[in-house]
Amino acid sequence: MTETIQIGNRTITASELISLLASYQMLPQLQRELIIDEAIAQNSRFAKIECTPEEIAQAKQQFYAEKQFKNEEDIQAWMAYQGLTPDQLEIITTRKLKIEKFKQVTWGNKLESYFFQSKRVFEKF
């Protein structure tokens, strides 16, 4: 069985999708996002990227505020329009948080020393 997606009156096969992504110059963005997902899913050099329940709840509330959701019906309608499951919504709402935590774990302690080493260059601007 061939996987397809229906968009309007058009049915697109999985093999066509790659060609379309390339034609619309969306393939580099997809590749970039997949690399980011891989980085935040793995253990970093220092620690596994984990979020507390409180951080997850706050990330969800921030996402909902950005989307201007007023109630559960708004969330459900948006999920239906986007074709998302609750698990996919959870991934989307916590992704920014995980990226920020990954940055801190990976580079956070190096930024200050880099700034002071490069201070003269920054002062010229």
PDB file of N, CA and C in Angstrom:
ATOM      1  N   MET A   1       0.833  -1.172   0.000  1.00  0.00           N
ATOM      2  CA  MET A   1       0.000   0.000   0.000  1.00  0.00           C
ATOM      3  C   MET A   1       0.886   1.247   0.000  1.00  0.00           C
ATOM      4  N   THR A   2       0.592   2.181  -0.856  1.00  0.00           N
ATOM      5  CA  THR A   2       1.358   3.409  -0.977  1.00  0.00           C
ATOM      6  C   THR A   2       0.770   4.472  -0.063  1.00  0.00           C
ATOM      7  N   GLU A   3       1.654   5.111   0.711  1.00  0.00           N
ATOM      8  CA  GLU A   3       1.234   6.205   1.584  1.00  0.00           C
ATOM      9  C   GLU A   3       0.921   7.430   0.740  1.00  0.00           C
ATOM     10  N   THR A   4      -0.188   8.093   1.045  1.00  0.00           N
ATOM     11  CA  THR A   4      -0.570   9.305   0.326  1.00  0.00           C
ATOM     12  C   THR A   4      -1.084  10.346   1.306  1.00  0.00           C
ATOM     13  N   ILE A   5      -1.096  11.573   0.825  1.00  0.00           N
ATOM     14  CA  ILE A   5      -1.680  12.672   1.579  1.00  0.00           C
ATOM     15  C   ILE A   5      -2.597  13.425   0.627  1.00  0.00           C
ATOM     16  N   GLN A   6      -3.758  13.803   1.117  1.00  0.00           N
ATOM     17  CA  GLN A   6      -4.734  14.535   0.310  1.00  0.00           C
ATOM     18  C   GLN A   6      -4.676  16.010   0.689  1.00  0.00           C
ATOM     19  N   ILE A   7      -4.389  16.861  -0.292  1.00  0.00           N
ATOM     20  CA  ILE A   7      -4.387  18.307  -0.079  1.00  0.00           C
ATOM     21  C   ILE A   7      -5.284  18.908  -1.153  1.00  0.00           C
ATOM     22  N   GLY A   8      -6.415  19.415  -0.715  1.00  0.00           N
ATOM     23  CA  GLY A   8      -7.391  19.920  -1.681  1.00  0.00           C
ATOM     24  C   GLY A   8      -7.857  18.790  -2.575  1.00  0.00           C
ATOM     25  N   ASN A   9      -7.766  19.003  -3.866  1.00  0.00           N
ATOM     26  CA  ASN A   9      -8.155  17.972  -4.829  1.00  0.00           C
ATOM     27  C   ASN A   9      -6.984  17.090  -5.238  1.00  0.00           C
ATOM     28  N   ARG A  10      -5.830  17.337  -4.679  1.00  0.00           N
ATOM     29  CA  ARG A  10      -4.625  16.627  -5.099  1.00  0.00           C
ATOM     30  C   ARG A  10      -4.225  15.551  -4.096  1.00  0.00           C
ATOM     31  N   THR A  11      -3.894  14.380  -4.618  1.00  0.00           N
ATOM     32  CA  THR A  11      -3.362  13.291  -3.816  1.00  0.00           C
ATOM     33  C   THR A  11      -1.873  13.192  -4.110  1.00  0.00           C
ATOM     34  N   ILE A  12      -1.080  13.232  -3.046  1.00  0.00           N
ATOM     35  CA  ILE A  12       0.373  13.225  -3.193  1.00  0.00           C
ATOM     36  C   ILE A  12       0.918  11.949  -2.566  1.00  0.00           C
ATOM     37  N   THR A  13       1.751  11.240  -3.302  1.00  0.00           N
ATOM     38  CA  THR A  13       2.381  10.026  -2.786  1.00  0.00           C
ATOM     39  C   THR A  13       3.631  10.398  -2.007  1.00  0.00           C
ATOM     40  N   ALA A  14       4.095   9.455  -1.208  1.00  0.00           N
ATOM     41  CA  ALA A  14       5.302   9.678  -0.410  1.00  0.00           C
ATOM     42  C   ALA A  14       6.489   9.996  -1.309  1.00  0.00           C
ATOM     43  N   SER A  15       6.604   9.310  -2.436  1.00  0.00           N
ATOM     44  CA  SER A  15       7.737   9.567  -3.328  1.00  0.00           C
ATOM     45  C   SER A  15       7.647  10.952  -3.959  1.00  0.00           C
ATOM     46  N   GLU A  16       6.454  11.437  -4.233  1.00  0.00           N
ATOM     47  CA  GLU A  16       6.284  12.787  -4.780  1.00  0.00           C
ATOM     48  C   GLU A  16       6.610  13.862  -3.761  1.00  0.00           C
ATOM     49  N   LEU A  17       6.385  13.555  -2.503  1.00  0.00           N
ATOM     50  CA  LEU A  17       6.559  14.550  -1.449  1.00  0.00           C
ATOM     51  C   LEU A  17       7.991  15.086  -1.404  1.00  0.00           C
ATOM     52  N   ILE A  18       8.976  14.211  -1.515  1.00  0.00           N
ATOM     53  CA  ILE A  18      10.377  14.647  -1.495  1.00  0.00           C
ATOM     54  C   ILE A  18      10.652  15.600  -2.650  1.00  0.00           C
ATOM     55  N   SER A  19      10.169  15.255  -3.814  1.00  0.00           N
ATOM     56  CA  SER A  19      10.362  16.111  -4.987  1.00  0.00           C
ATOM     57  C   SER A  19       9.695  17.473  -4.785  1.00  0.00           C
ATOM     58  N   LEU A  20       8.505  17.480  -4.206  1.00  0.00           N
ATOM     59  CA  LEU A  20       7.806  18.743  -3.951  1.00  0.00           C
ATOM     60  C   LEU A  20       8.538  19.594  -2.913  1.00  0.00           C
ATOM     61  N   LEU A  21       9.014  18.954  -1.856  1.00  0.00           N
ATOM     62  CA  LEU A  21       9.769  19.693  -0.843  1.00  0.00           C
ATOM     63  C   LEU A  21      11.007  20.341  -1.460  1.00  0.00           C
ATOM     64  N   ALA A  22      11.679  19.615  -2.329  1.00  0.00           N
ATOM     65  CA  ALA A  22      12.858  20.167  -3.007  1.00  0.00           C
ATOM     66  C   ALA A  22      12.452  21.296  -3.945  1.00  0.00           C
ATOM     67  N   SER A  23      11.384  21.115  -4.701  1.00  0.00           N
ATOM     68  CA  SER A  23      10.928  22.135  -5.651  1.00  0.00           C
ATOM     69  C   SER A  23      10.536  23.432  -4.958  1.00  0.00           C
ATOM     70  N   TYR A  24       9.940  23.320  -3.795  1.00  0.00           N
ATOM     71  CA  TYR A  24       9.507  24.500  -3.047  1.00  0.00           C
ATOM     72  C   TYR A  24      10.592  25.004  -2.100  1.00  0.00           C
ATOM     73  N   GLN A  25      11.796  24.444  -2.225  1.00  0.00           N
ATOM     74  CA  GLN A  25      12.962  24.817  -1.412  1.00  0.00           C
ATOM     75  C   GLN A  25      12.687  24.661   0.077  1.00  0.00           C
ATOM     76  N   MET A  26      11.936  23.625   0.428  1.00  0.00           N
ATOM     77  CA  MET A  26      11.618  23.360   1.829  1.00  0.00           C
ATOM     78  C   MET A  26      12.470  22.222   2.404  1.00  0.00           C
ATOM     79  N   LEU A  27      13.168  21.507   1.542  1.00  0.00           N
ATOM     80  CA  LEU A  27      13.970  20.368   1.994  1.00  0.00           C
ATOM     81  C   LEU A  27      15.092  20.789   2.948  1.00  0.00           C
ATOM     82  N   PRO A  28      15.828  21.889   2.689  1.00  0.00           N
ATOM     83  CA  PRO A  28      16.855  22.293   3.661  1.00  0.00           C
ATOM     84  C   PRO A  28      16.286  22.596   5.049  1.00  0.00           C
ATOM     85  N   GLN A  29      15.110  23.209   5.098  1.00  0.00           N
ATOM     86  CA  GLN A  29      14.481  23.500   6.397  1.00  0.00           C
ATOM     87  C   GLN A  29      14.103  22.202   7.109  1.00  0.00           C
ATOM     88  N   LEU A  30      13.565  21.237   6.375  1.00  0.00           N
ATOM     89  CA  LEU A  30      13.232  19.939   6.962  1.00  0.00           C
ATOM     90  C   LEU A  30      14.487  19.262   7.498  1.00  0.00           C
ATOM     91  N   GLN A  31      15.561  19.288   6.720  1.00  0.00           N
ATOM     92  CA  GLN A  31      16.813  18.688   7.166  1.00  0.00           C
ATOM     93  C   GLN A  31      17.326  19.359   8.441  1.00  0.00           C
ATOM     94  N   ARG A  32      17.271  20.687   8.486  1.00  0.00           N
ATOM     95  CA  ARG A  32      17.725  21.443   9.654  1.00  0.00           C
ATOM     96  C   ARG A  32      16.915  21.045  10.891  1.00  0.00           C
ATOM     97  N   GLU A  33      15.594  20.967  10.732  1.00  0.00           N
ATOM     98  CA  GLU A  33      14.733  20.624  11.866  1.00  0.00           C
ATOM     99  C   GLU A  33      14.973  19.194  12.340  1.00  0.00           C
ATOM    100  N   LEU A  34      15.242  18.278  11.420  1.00  0.00           N
ATOM    101  CA  LEU A  34      15.535  16.895  11.803  1.00  0.00           C
ATOM    102  C   LEU A  34      16.840  16.803  12.586  1.00  0.00           C
ATOM    103  N   ILE A  35      17.832  17.592  12.195  1.00  0.00           N
ATOM    104  CA  ILE A  35      19.103  17.615  12.929  1.00  0.00           C
ATOM    105  C   ILE A  35      18.880  18.152  14.337  1.00  0.00           C
ATOM    106  N   ILE A  36      18.083  19.198  14.458  1.00  0.00           N
ATOM    107  CA  ILE A  36      17.779  19.754  15.785  1.00  0.00           C
ATOM    108  C   ILE A  36      17.054  18.717  16.634  1.00  0.00           C
ATOM    109  N   ASP A  37      16.054  18.039  16.052  1.00  0.00           N
ATOM    110  CA  ASP A  37      15.328  17.007  16.797  1.00  0.00           C
ATOM    111  C   ASP A  37      16.267  15.910  17.284  1.00  0.00           C
ATOM    112  N   GLU A  38      17.189  15.514  16.435  1.00  0.00           N
ATOM    113  CA  GLU A  38      18.144  14.475  16.811  1.00  0.00           C
ATOM    114  C   GLU A  38      19.013  14.955  17.972  1.00  0.00           C
ATOM    115  N   ALA A  39      19.452  16.198  17.926  1.00  0.00           N
ATOM    116  CA  ALA A  39      20.309  16.735  18.982  1.00  0.00           C
ATOM    117  C   ALA A  39      19.583  16.797  20.323  1.00  0.00           C
ATOM    118  N   ILE A  40      18.332  17.259  20.327  1.00  0.00           N
ATOM    119  CA  ILE A  40      17.631  17.389  21.614  1.00  0.00           C
ATOM    120  C   ILE A  40      17.086  16.057  22.118  1.00  0.00           C
ATOM    121  N   ALA A  41      16.999  15.050  21.250  1.00  0.00           N
ATOM    122  CA  ALA A  41      16.494  13.743  21.674  1.00  0.00           C
ATOM    123  C   ALA A  41      17.602  12.899  22.307  1.00  0.00           C
ATOM    124  N   GLN A  42      18.821  13.105  21.872  1.00  0.00           N
ATOM    125  CA  GLN A  42      19.942  12.316  22.377  1.00  0.00           C
ATOM    126  C   GLN A  42      20.459  12.890  23.684  1.00  0.00           C
ATOM    127  N   ASN A  43      21.280  12.102  24.322  1.00  0.00           N
ATOM    128  CA  ASN A  43      22.020  12.641  25.464  1.00  0.00           C
ATOM    129  C   ASN A  43      23.051  13.595  24.899  1.00  0.00           C
ATOM    130  N   SER A  44      23.142  14.767  25.478  1.00  0.00           N
ATOM    131  CA  SER A  44      24.209  15.671  25.073  1.00  0.00           C
ATOM    132  C   SER A  44      25.499  15.182  25.719  1.00  0.00           C
ATOM    133  N   ARG A  45      26.572  15.890  25.488  1.00  0.00           N
ATOM    134  CA  ARG A  45      27.850  15.484  26.084  1.00  0.00           C
ATOM    135  C   ARG A  45      27.797  15.554  27.600  1.00  0.00           C
ATOM    136  N   PHE A  46      26.949  16.398  28.135  1.00  0.00           N
ATOM    137  CA  PHE A  46      26.952  16.645  29.573  1.00  0.00           C
ATOM    138  C   PHE A  46      25.784  15.970  30.299  1.00  0.00           C
ATOM    139  N   ALA A  47      24.604  16.028  29.725  1.00  0.00           N
ATOM    140  CA  ALA A  47      23.429  15.488  30.417  1.00  0.00           C
ATOM    141  C   ALA A  47      22.294  15.278  29.423  1.00  0.00           C
ATOM    142  N   LYS A  48      21.381  14.423  29.789  1.00  0.00           N
ATOM    143  CA  LYS A  48      20.186  14.204  28.975  1.00  0.00           C
ATOM    144  C   LYS A  48      19.288  15.429  29.103  1.00  0.00           C
ATOM    145  N   ILE A  49      18.702  15.843  27.994  1.00  0.00           N
ATOM    146  CA  ILE A  49      17.805  16.994  28.011  1.00  0.00           C
ATOM    147  C   ILE A  49      16.452  16.519  28.539  1.00  0.00           C
ATOM    148  N   GLU A  50      16.141  16.913  29.758  1.00  0.00           N
ATOM    149  CA  GLU A  50      14.881  16.536  30.383  1.00  0.00           C
ATOM    150  C   GLU A  50      14.168  17.785  30.876  1.00  0.00           C
ATOM    151  N   CYS A  51      12.859  17.703  30.937  1.00  0.00           N
ATOM    152  CA  CYS A  51      12.049  18.826  31.399  1.00  0.00           C
ATOM    153  C   CYS A  51      11.187  18.366  32.565  1.00  0.00           C
ATOM    154  N   THR A  52      11.043  19.241  33.537  1.00  0.00           N
ATOM    155  CA  THR A  52      10.190  18.927  34.676  1.00  0.00           C
ATOM    156  C   THR A  52       8.727  19.103  34.255  1.00  0.00           C
ATOM    157  N   PRO A  53       7.807  18.495  34.996  1.00  0.00           N
ATOM    158  CA  PRO A  53       6.388  18.704  34.686  1.00  0.00           C
ATOM    159  C   PRO A  53       5.990  20.182  34.726  1.00  0.00           C
ATOM    160  N   GLU A  54       6.599  20.943  35.645  1.00  0.00           N
ATOM    161  CA  GLU A  54       6.302  22.372  35.742  1.00  0.00           C
ATOM    162  C   GLU A  54       6.781  23.117  34.493  1.00  0.00           C
ATOM    163  N   GLU A  55       7.990  22.770  34.016  1.00  0.00           N
ATOM    164  CA  GLU A  55       8.523  23.400  32.807  1.00  0.00           C
ATOM    165  C   GLU A  55       7.652  23.075  31.594  1.00  0.00           C
ATOM    166  N   ILE A  56       7.194  21.841  31.519  1.00  0.00           N
ATOM    167  CA  ILE A  56       6.333  21.418  30.408  1.00  0.00           C
ATOM    168  C   ILE A  56       5.018  22.185  30.447  1.00  0.00           C
ATOM    169  N   ALA A  57       4.421  22.291  31.630  1.00  0.00           N
ATOM    170  CA  ALA A  57       3.165  23.033  31.768  1.00  0.00           C
ATOM    171  C   ALA A  57       3.348  24.491  31.375  1.00  0.00           C
ATOM    172  N   GLN A  58       4.456  25.094  31.791  1.00  0.00           N
ATOM    173  CA  GLN A  58       4.724  26.489  31.446  1.00  0.00           C
ATOM    174  C   GLN A  58       4.948  26.643  29.938  1.00  0.00           C
ATOM    175  N   ALA A  59       5.669  25.706  29.325  1.00  0.00           N
ATOM    176  CA  ALA A  59       5.910  25.762  27.878  1.00  0.00           C
ATOM    177  C   ALA A  59       4.584  25.650  27.118  1.00  0.00           C
ATOM    178  N   LYS A  60       3.697  24.780  27.583  1.00  0.00           N
ATOM    179  CA  LYS A  60       2.380  24.642  26.946  1.00  0.00           C
ATOM    180  C   LYS A  60       1.595  25.945  27.054  1.00  0.00           C
ATOM    181  N   GLN A  61       1.577  26.529  28.241  1.00  0.00           N
ATOM    182  CA  GLN A  61       0.833  27.765  28.431  1.00  0.00           C
ATOM    183  C   GLN A  61       1.387  28.892  27.556  1.00  0.00           C
ATOM    184  N   GLN A  62       2.704  28.948  27.433  1.00  0.00           N
ATOM    185  CA  GLN A  62       3.326  29.968  26.585  1.00  0.00           C
ATOM    186  C   GLN A  62       2.943  29.750  25.118  1.00  0.00           C
ATOM    187  N   PHE A  63       2.978  28.501  24.675  1.00  0.00           N
ATOM    188  CA  PHE A  63       2.601  28.173  23.305  1.00  0.00           C
ATOM    189  C   PHE A  63       1.140  28.532  23.045  1.00  0.00           C
ATOM    190  N   TYR A  64       0.270  28.172  23.975  1.00  0.00           N
ATOM    191  CA  TYR A  64      -1.155  28.473  23.832  1.00  0.00           C
ATOM    192  C   TYR A  64      -1.396  29.983  23.791  1.00  0.00           C
ATOM    193  N   ALA A  65      -0.639  30.724  24.591  1.00  0.00           N
ATOM    194  CA  ALA A  65      -0.780  32.184  24.584  1.00  0.00           C
ATOM    195  C   ALA A  65      -0.317  32.765  23.248  1.00  0.00           C
ATOM    196  N   GLU A  66       0.795  32.240  22.717  1.00  0.00           N
ATOM    197  CA  GLU A  66       1.293  32.701  21.419  1.00  0.00           C
ATOM    198  C   GLU A  66       0.271  32.455  20.313  1.00  0.00           C
ATOM    199  N   LYS A  67      -0.422  31.330  20.394  1.00  0.00           N
ATOM    200  CA  LYS A  67      -1.435  30.981  19.388  1.00  0.00           C
ATOM    201  C   LYS A  67      -2.785  31.629  19.683  1.00  0.00           C
ATOM    202  N   GLN A  68      -2.878  32.293  20.831  1.00  0.00           N
ATOM    203  CA  GLN A  68      -4.090  32.970  21.277  1.00  0.00           C
ATOM    204  C   GLN A  68      -5.270  32.015  21.462  1.00  0.00           C
ATOM    205  N   PHE A  69      -4.962  30.830  21.994  1.00  0.00           N
ATOM    206  CA  PHE A  69      -6.024  29.880  22.326  1.00  0.00           C
ATOM    207  C   PHE A  69      -6.706  30.361  23.596  1.00  0.00           C
ATOM    208  N   LYS A  70      -8.010  30.412  23.561  1.00  0.00           N
ATOM    209  CA  LYS A  70      -8.763  30.880  24.728  1.00  0.00           C
ATOM    210  C   LYS A  70      -9.320  29.730  25.561  1.00  0.00           C
ATOM    211  N   ASN A  71      -9.509  28.570  24.925  1.00  0.00           N
ATOM    212  CA  ASN A  71     -10.081  27.439  25.645  1.00  0.00           C
ATOM    213  C   ASN A  71      -9.695  26.133  24.950  1.00  0.00           C
ATOM    214  N   GLU A  72     -10.147  25.036  25.524  1.00  0.00           N
ATOM    215  CA  GLU A  72      -9.822  23.704  25.002  1.00  0.00           C
ATOM    216  C   GLU A  72     -10.370  23.506  23.590  1.00  0.00           C
ATOM    217  N   GLU A  73     -11.509  24.112  23.289  1.00  0.00           N
ATOM    218  CA  GLU A  73     -12.083  23.981  21.946  1.00  0.00           C
ATOM    219  C   GLU A  73     -11.162  24.603  20.892  1.00  0.00           C
ATOM    220  N   ASP A  74     -10.528  25.733  21.222  1.00  0.00           N
ATOM    221  CA  ASP A  74      -9.575  26.366  20.301  1.00  0.00           C
ATOM    222  C   ASP A  74      -8.393  25.434  20.029  1.00  0.00           C
ATOM    223  N   ILE A  75      -7.916  24.802  21.088  1.00  0.00           N
ATOM    224  CA  ILE A  75      -6.784  23.879  20.953  1.00  0.00           C
ATOM    225  C   ILE A  75      -7.177  22.696  20.074  1.00  0.00           C
ATOM    226  N   GLN A  76      -8.339  22.111  20.346  1.00  0.00           N
ATOM    227  CA  GLN A  76      -8.802  20.952  19.579  1.00  0.00           C
ATOM    228  C   GLN A  76      -9.036  21.307  18.107  1.00  0.00           C
ATOM    229  N   ALA A  77      -9.598  22.483  17.857  1.00  0.00           N
ATOM    230  CA  ALA A  77      -9.839  22.915  16.478  1.00  0.00           C
ATOM    231  C   ALA A  77      -8.519  23.107  15.729  1.00  0.00           C
ATOM    232  N   TRP A  78      -7.533  23.705  16.397  1.00  0.00           N
ATOM    233  CA  TRP A  78      -6.234  23.923  15.778  1.00  0.00           C
ATOM    234  C   TRP A  78      -5.552  22.593  15.499  1.00  0.00           C
ATOM    235  N   MET A  79      -5.629  21.664  16.457  1.00  0.00           N
ATOM    236  CA  MET A  79      -5.047  20.334  16.259  1.00  0.00           C
ATOM    237  C   MET A  79      -5.684  19.628  15.072  1.00  0.00           C
ATOM    238  N   ALA A  80      -7.009  19.716  14.947  1.00  0.00           N
ATOM    239  CA  ALA A  80      -7.706  19.084  13.826  1.00  0.00           C
ATOM    240  C   ALA A  80      -7.280  19.719  12.507  1.00  0.00           C
ATOM    241  N   TYR A  81      -7.188  21.037  12.485  1.00  0.00           N
ATOM    242  CA  TYR A  81      -6.778  21.748  11.265  1.00  0.00           C
ATOM    243  C   TYR A  81      -5.354  21.363  10.854  1.00  0.00           C
ATOM    244  N   GLN A  82      -4.471  21.208  11.854  1.00  0.00           N
ATOM    245  CA  GLN A  82      -3.079  20.849  11.584  1.00  0.00           C
ATOM    246  C   GLN A  82      -2.885  19.345  11.379  1.00  0.00           C
ATOM    247  N   GLY A  83      -3.908  18.554  11.726  1.00  0.00           N
ATOM    248  CA  GLY A  83      -3.802  17.100  11.601  1.00  0.00           C
ATOM    249  C   GLY A  83      -2.893  16.493  12.664  1.00  0.00           C
ATOM    250  N   LEU A  84      -2.946  17.040  13.870  1.00  0.00           N
ATOM    251  CA  LEU A  84      -2.050  16.620  14.943  1.00  0.00           C
ATOM    252  C   LEU A  84      -2.738  15.734  15.970  1.00  0.00           C
ATOM    253  N   THR A  85      -1.951  14.841  16.546  1.00  0.00           N
ATOM    254  CA  THR A  85      -2.400  14.038  17.677  1.00  0.00           C
ATOM    255  C   THR A  85      -1.976  14.751  18.961  1.00  0.00           C
ATOM    256  N   PRO A  86      -2.540  14.370  20.109  1.00  0.00           N
ATOM    257  CA  PRO A  86      -2.089  14.968  21.370  1.00  0.00           C
ATOM    258  C   PRO A  86      -0.584  14.775  21.618  1.00  0.00           C
ATOM    259  N   ASP A  87      -0.037  13.629  21.241  1.00  0.00           N
ATOM    260  CA  ASP A  87       1.400  13.391  21.416  1.00  0.00           C
ATOM    261  C   ASP A  87       2.221  14.355  20.555  1.00  0.00           C
ATOM    262  N   GLN A  88       1.776  14.600  19.336  1.00  0.00           N
ATOM    263  CA  GLN A  88       2.482  15.540  18.467  1.00  0.00           C
ATOM    264  C   GLN A  88       2.390  16.966  19.018  1.00  0.00           C
ATOM    265  N   LEU A  89       1.244  17.315  19.580  1.00  0.00           N
ATOM    266  CA  LEU A  89       1.094  18.632  20.188  1.00  0.00           C
ATOM    267  C   LEU A  89       2.072  18.792  21.351  1.00  0.00           C
ATOM    268  N   GLU A  90       2.233  17.757  22.139  1.00  0.00           N
ATOM    269  CA  GLU A  90       3.183  17.786  23.264  1.00  0.00           C
ATOM    270  C   GLU A  90       4.602  18.028  22.757  1.00  0.00           C
ATOM    271  N   ILE A  91       4.975  17.382  21.684  1.00  0.00           N
ATOM    272  CA  ILE A  91       6.308  17.566  21.102  1.00  0.00           C
ATOM    273  C   ILE A  91       6.486  19.005  20.642  1.00  0.00           C
ATOM    274  N   ILE A  92       5.476  19.541  19.982  1.00  0.00           N
ATOM    275  CA  ILE A  92       5.550  20.911  19.470  1.00  0.00           C
ATOM    276  C   ILE A  92       5.645  21.914  20.611  1.00  0.00           C
ATOM    277  N   THR A  93       4.835  21.725  21.639  1.00  0.00           N
ATOM    278  CA  THR A  93       4.793  22.708  22.724  1.00  0.00           C
ATOM    279  C   THR A  93       6.049  22.701  23.583  1.00  0.00           C
ATOM    280  N   THR A  94       6.772  21.590  23.622  1.00  0.00           N
ATOM    281  CA  THR A  94       7.968  21.524  24.464  1.00  0.00           C
ATOM    282  C   THR A  94       9.265  21.655  23.673  1.00  0.00           C
ATOM    283  N   ARG A  95       9.189  21.731  22.364  1.00  0.00           N
ATOM    284  CA  ARG A  95      10.398  21.759  21.528  1.00  0.00           C
ATOM    285  C   ARG A  95      11.281  22.968  21.822  1.00  0.00           C
ATOM    286  N   LYS A  96      10.692  24.154  21.899  1.00  0.00           N
ATOM    287  CA  LYS A  96      11.472  25.367  22.176  1.00  0.00           C
ATOM    288  C   LYS A  96      12.209  25.243  23.508  1.00  0.00           C
ATOM    289  N   LEU A  97      11.507  24.751  24.507  1.00  0.00           N
ATOM    290  CA  LEU A  97      12.103  24.564  25.830  1.00  0.00           C
ATOM    291  C   LEU A  97      13.297  23.618  25.748  1.00  0.00           C
ATOM    292  N   LYS A  98      13.140  22.513  25.063  1.00  0.00           N
ATOM    293  CA  LYS A  98      14.230  21.540  24.941  1.00  0.00           C
ATOM    294  C   LYS A  98      15.414  22.120  24.172  1.00  0.00           C
ATOM    295  N   ILE A  99      15.137  22.918  23.165  1.00  0.00           N
ATOM    296  CA  ILE A  99      16.224  23.556  22.416  1.00  0.00           C
ATOM    297  C   ILE A  99      16.996  24.509  23.317  1.00  0.00           C
ATOM    298  N   GLU A 100      16.284  25.308  24.101  1.00  0.00           N
ATOM    299  CA  GLU A 100      16.948  26.244  25.013  1.00  0.00           C
ATOM    300  C   GLU A 100      17.778  25.497  26.053  1.00  0.00           C
ATOM    301  N   LYS A 101      17.229  24.419  26.580  1.00  0.00           N
ATOM    302  CA  LYS A 101      17.971  23.629  27.564  1.00  0.00           C
ATOM    303  C   LYS A 101      19.204  22.994  26.918  1.00  0.00           C
ATOM    304  N   PHE A 102      19.064  22.529  25.685  1.00  0.00           N
ATOM    305  CA  PHE A 102      20.196  21.951  24.957  1.00  0.00           C
ATOM    306  C   PHE A 102      21.294  22.990  24.774  1.00  0.00           C
ATOM    307  N   LYS A 103      20.912  24.211  24.406  1.00  0.00           N
ATOM    308  CA  LYS A 103      21.895  25.287  24.231  1.00  0.00           C
ATOM    309  C   LYS A 103      22.643  25.546  25.533  1.00  0.00           C
ATOM    310  N   GLN A 104      21.899  25.610  26.632  1.00  0.00           N
ATOM    311  CA  GLN A 104      22.537  25.878  27.921  1.00  0.00           C
ATOM    312  C   GLN A 104      23.489  24.756  28.314  1.00  0.00           C
ATOM    313  N   VAL A 105      23.048  23.511  28.141  1.00  0.00           N
ATOM    314  CA  VAL A 105      23.885  22.372  28.500  1.00  0.00           C
ATOM    315  C   VAL A 105      25.129  22.309  27.607  1.00  0.00           C
ATOM    316  N   THR A 106      24.964  22.614  26.340  1.00  0.00           N
ATOM    317  CA  THR A 106      26.054  22.472  25.383  1.00  0.00           C
ATOM    318  C   THR A 106      27.018  23.654  25.401  1.00  0.00           C
ATOM    319  N   TRP A 107      26.489  24.883  25.448  1.00  0.00           N
ATOM    320  CA  TRP A 107      27.348  26.055  25.309  1.00  0.00           C
ATOM    321  C   TRP A 107      27.253  27.048  26.462  1.00  0.00           C
ATOM    322  N   GLY A 108      26.321  26.875  27.351  1.00  0.00           N
ATOM    323  CA  GLY A 108      26.063  27.863  28.390  1.00  0.00           C
ATOM    324  C   GLY A 108      27.273  28.300  29.173  1.00  0.00           C
ATOM    325  N   ASN A 109      28.090  27.373  29.611  1.00  0.00           N
ATOM    326  CA  ASN A 109      29.242  27.737  30.432  1.00  0.00           C
ATOM    327  C   ASN A 109      30.393  28.311  29.611  1.00  0.00           C
ATOM    328  N   LYS A 110      30.318  28.223  28.301  1.00  0.00           N
ATOM    329  CA  LYS A 110      31.392  28.720  27.438  1.00  0.00           C
ATOM    330  C   LYS A 110      31.133  30.135  26.933  1.00  0.00           C
ATOM    331  N   LEU A 111      29.909  30.582  26.989  1.00  0.00           N
ATOM    332  CA  LEU A 111      29.562  31.867  26.401  1.00  0.00           C
ATOM    333  C   LEU A 111      30.254  33.038  27.086  1.00  0.00           C
ATOM    334  N   GLU A 112      30.281  33.028  28.398  1.00  0.00           N
ATOM    335  CA  GLU A 112      30.889  34.145  29.113  1.00  0.00           C
ATOM    336  C   GLU A 112      32.380  34.246  28.808  1.00  0.00           C
ATOM    337  N   SER A 113      33.087  33.115  28.828  1.00  0.00           N
ATOM    338  CA  SER A 113      34.522  33.163  28.533  1.00  0.00           C
ATOM    339  C   SER A 113      34.763  33.575  27.083  1.00  0.00           C
ATOM    340  N   TYR A 114      33.919  33.126  26.176  1.00  0.00           N
ATOM    341  CA  TYR A 114      34.047  33.542  24.772  1.00  0.00           C
ATOM    342  C   TYR A 114      33.830  35.047  24.642  1.00  0.00           C
ATOM    343  N   PHE A 115      32.853  35.567  25.344  1.00  0.00           N
ATOM    344  CA  PHE A 115      32.580  36.998  25.296  1.00  0.00           C
ATOM    345  C   PHE A 115      33.798  37.787  25.762  1.00  0.00           C
ATOM    346  N   PHE A 116      34.383  37.393  26.898  1.00  0.00           N
ATOM    347  CA  PHE A 116      35.529  38.143  27.420  1.00  0.00           C
ATOM    348  C   PHE A 116      36.754  38.004  26.527  1.00  0.00           C
ATOM    349  N   GLN A 117      36.925  36.850  25.896  1.00  0.00           N
ATOM    350  CA  GLN A 117      38.043  36.675  24.974  1.00  0.00           C
ATOM    351  C   GLN A 117      37.867  37.531  23.723  1.00  0.00           C
ATOM    352  N   SER A 118      36.632  37.743  23.311  1.00  0.00           N
ATOM    353  CA  SER A 118      36.341  38.485  22.082  1.00  0.00           C
ATOM    354  C   SER A 118      35.870  39.911  22.353  1.00  0.00           C
ATOM    355  N   LYS A 119      35.981  40.365  23.580  1.00  0.00           N
ATOM    356  CA  LYS A 119      35.431  41.656  23.997  1.00  0.00           C
ATOM    357  C   LYS A 119      35.953  42.804  23.127  1.00  0.00           C
ATOM    358  N   ARG A 120      37.206  42.814  22.824  1.00  0.00           N
ATOM    359  CA  ARG A 120      37.766  43.891  22.010  1.00  0.00           C
ATOM    360  C   ARG A 120      37.132  43.949  20.633  1.00  0.00           C
ATOM    361  N   VAL A 121      36.872  42.795  20.059  1.00  0.00           N
ATOM    362  CA  VAL A 121      36.217  42.760  18.736  1.00  0.00           C
ATOM    363  C   VAL A 121      34.808  43.315  18.834  1.00  0.00           C
ATOM    364  N   PHE A 122      34.093  42.945  19.894  1.00  0.00           N
ATOM    365  CA  PHE A 122      32.722  43.418  20.075  1.00  0.00           C
ATOM    366  C   PHE A 122      32.681  44.928  20.326  1.00  0.00           C
ATOM    367  N   GLU A 123      33.673  45.448  21.027  1.00  0.00           N
ATOM    368  CA  GLU A 123      33.692  46.863  21.355  1.00  0.00           C
ATOM    369  C   GLU A 123      33.875  47.751  20.123  1.00  0.00           C
ATOM    370  N   LYS A 124      34.438  47.214  19.052  1.00  0.00           N
ATOM    371  CA  LYS A 124      34.648  47.973  17.824  1.00  0.00           C
ATOM    372  C   LYS A 124      33.327  48.286  17.130  1.00  0.00           C
ATOM    373  N   PHE A 125      32.328  47.489  17.393  1.00  0.00           N
ATOM    374  CA  PHE A 125      31.030  47.672  16.735  1.00  0.00           C
ATOM    375  C   PHE A 125      30.192  48.531  17.576  1.00  0.00           C
TER     376      PHE A 125
END
